Amino acid sequence: MGGVKKKSMAAMEKSQDSTETAQDQAAPSKGKKAKEAKSGPQQKRQLSFLPPKMNDAEMIKALTPLKAITVFTASRALGVNASVATGVIRDLESKSMLKRVGGFSGHGVWAKS
């Protein structure tokens, strides 16, 4: 319930002065810093779906022994993270290699077609 008490005005000013002097010693030239900050517009990173280096038949072969194919089980079987596994499942579903057999609220269950 306790905690750190509020510092007095004099103590806050002293700590602010000490941090300002430490910053001045660490970065004596502000001109270079300003130029580096204005280096140009940042490009957007495109996060794309990078499937594992397998063809569709190898992916289906890895998913066949699973009783129920979910995002979690597919990610473990393929050795990828869940977002990549979701993309793989959707891709295989669009190619009619998997079919959705159940699930709710975004937690689908698929089976081999």
Protein backbone atom coordinates (compact mmCIF):
# COMPACT_ATOMS: atom_id res chain seq x y z
CA MET A 1 0.00 0.00 0.00
CA GLY A 2 2.98 2.26 0.57
CA GLY A 3 5.12 3.37 -2.24
CA VAL A 4 7.51 6.10 -3.15
CA LYS A 5 6.65 9.44 -1.69
CA LYS A 6 6.41 12.51 -3.83
CA LYS A 7 9.66 14.45 -3.97
CA SER A 8 9.86 18.05 -2.92
CA MET A 9 10.21 20.75 -5.57
CA ALA A 10 13.90 21.25 -4.78
CA ALA A 11 14.63 17.54 -5.07
CA MET A 12 12.77 17.33 -8.42
CA GLU A 13 14.76 20.28 -9.80
CA LYS A 14 18.05 18.71 -8.71
CA SER A 15 17.22 15.39 -10.37
CA GLN A 16 16.10 17.18 -13.55
CA ASP A 17 19.34 19.21 -13.63
CA SER A 18 21.45 16.09 -13.16
CA THR A 19 19.68 14.25 -16.02
CA GLU A 20 20.09 17.24 -18.33
CA THR A 21 23.83 17.46 -17.64
CA ALA A 22 24.19 13.71 -18.20
CA GLN A 23 22.41 14.04 -21.56
CA ASP A 24 24.60 16.98 -22.56
CA GLN A 25 27.74 14.99 -21.82
CA ALA A 26 26.47 11.94 -23.70
CA ALA A 27 25.45 13.87 -26.84
CA PRO A 28 27.42 17.13 -27.10
CA SER A 29 26.43 17.92 -30.71
CA LYS A 30 22.70 18.31 -31.25
CA GLY A 31 23.14 19.29 -34.91
CA LYS A 32 24.12 15.77 -35.96
CA LYS A 33 21.27 14.25 -34.01
CA ALA A 34 18.72 16.48 -35.70
CA LYS A 35 20.06 15.57 -39.14
CA GLU A 36 19.93 11.86 -38.36
CA ALA A 37 16.37 12.12 -37.15
CA LYS A 38 15.28 13.71 -40.43
CA SER A 39 16.87 11.03 -42.63
CA GLY A 40 13.77 10.60 -44.78
CA PRO A 41 10.41 8.88 -44.88
CA GLN A 42 10.26 5.37 -43.49
CA GLN A 43 9.11 2.66 -45.85
CA LYS A 44 6.32 0.39 -44.70
CA ARG A 45 7.39 -3.15 -44.01
CA GLN A 46 5.21 -5.62 -45.80
CA LEU A 47 4.60 -8.65 -43.65
CA SER A 48 3.78 -11.32 -46.10
CA PHE A 49 2.74 -14.90 -45.70
CA LEU A 50 5.84 -17.07 -46.08
CA PRO A 51 4.79 -20.72 -46.28
CA PRO A 52 7.25 -23.47 -45.36
CA LYS A 53 9.41 -24.80 -48.17
CA MET A 54 7.12 -27.72 -48.92
CA ASN A 55 4.75 -28.44 -51.74
CA ASP A 56 1.07 -29.06 -51.09
CA ALA A 57 1.40 -32.85 -51.08
CA GLU A 58 4.12 -32.73 -48.42
CA MET A 59 1.99 -30.41 -46.27
CA ILE A 60 -1.00 -32.74 -46.51
CA LYS A 61 1.27 -35.69 -45.68
CA ALA A 62 2.45 -33.88 -42.54
CA LEU A 63 -1.15 -33.08 -41.54
CA THR A 64 -2.64 -36.55 -42.31
CA PRO A 65 -1.76 -38.28 -38.99
CA LEU A 66 -3.59 -35.59 -37.00
CA LYS A 67 -7.06 -36.48 -35.73
CA ALA A 68 -8.32 -32.91 -35.92
CA ILE A 69 -6.46 -30.28 -37.89
CA THR A 70 -6.50 -26.99 -36.02
CA VAL A 71 -4.26 -23.97 -36.35
CA PHE A 72 -2.27 -25.05 -33.30
CA THR A 73 -1.77 -28.66 -34.38
CA ALA A 74 -0.89 -27.60 -37.91
CA SER A 75 1.70 -25.12 -36.64
CA ARG A 76 3.32 -27.85 -34.52
CA ALA A 77 3.25 -30.41 -37.35
CA LEU A 78 4.69 -28.01 -39.93
CA GLY A 79 7.12 -26.33 -37.54
CA VAL A 80 5.89 -22.79 -38.21
CA ASN A 81 4.12 -20.16 -36.13
CA ALA A 82 0.33 -19.91 -35.90
CA SER A 83 -0.12 -17.07 -38.38
CA VAL A 84 1.75 -19.00 -41.09
CA ALA A 85 -0.21 -22.15 -40.25
CA THR A 86 -3.46 -20.21 -40.64
CA GLY A 87 -2.37 -19.09 -44.09
CA VAL A 88 -1.37 -22.63 -45.07
CA ILE A 89 -4.72 -24.02 -43.92
CA ARG A 90 -6.66 -21.36 -45.81
CA ASP A 91 -4.56 -21.99 -48.91
CA LEU A 92 -5.14 -25.75 -48.74
CA GLU A 93 -8.85 -25.16 -48.10
CA SER A 94 -9.12 -22.95 -51.20
CA LYS A 95 -7.49 -25.76 -53.23
CA SER A 96 -10.09 -28.24 -51.82
CA MET A 97 -7.44 -30.35 -50.10
CA LEU A 98 -8.89 -29.61 -46.66
CA LYS A 99 -12.48 -29.04 -45.65
CA ARG A 100 -13.80 -27.31 -42.57
CA VAL A 101 -15.76 -29.72 -40.42
CA GLY A 102 -16.39 -27.77 -37.24
CA GLY A 103 -15.28 -25.13 -34.82
CA PHE A 104 -16.61 -21.80 -33.71
CA SER A 105 -15.50 -18.25 -32.93
CA GLY A 106 -12.55 -18.38 -35.25
CA HIS A 107 -11.25 -21.70 -33.87
CA GLY A 108 -11.91 -23.93 -36.81
CA VAL A 109 -11.39 -27.66 -37.17
CA TRP A 110 -10.46 -29.08 -40.56
CA ALA A 111 -10.24 -32.58 -42.03
CA LYS A 112 -8.51 -33.97 -45.08
CA SER A 113 -10.81 -33.98 -48.13
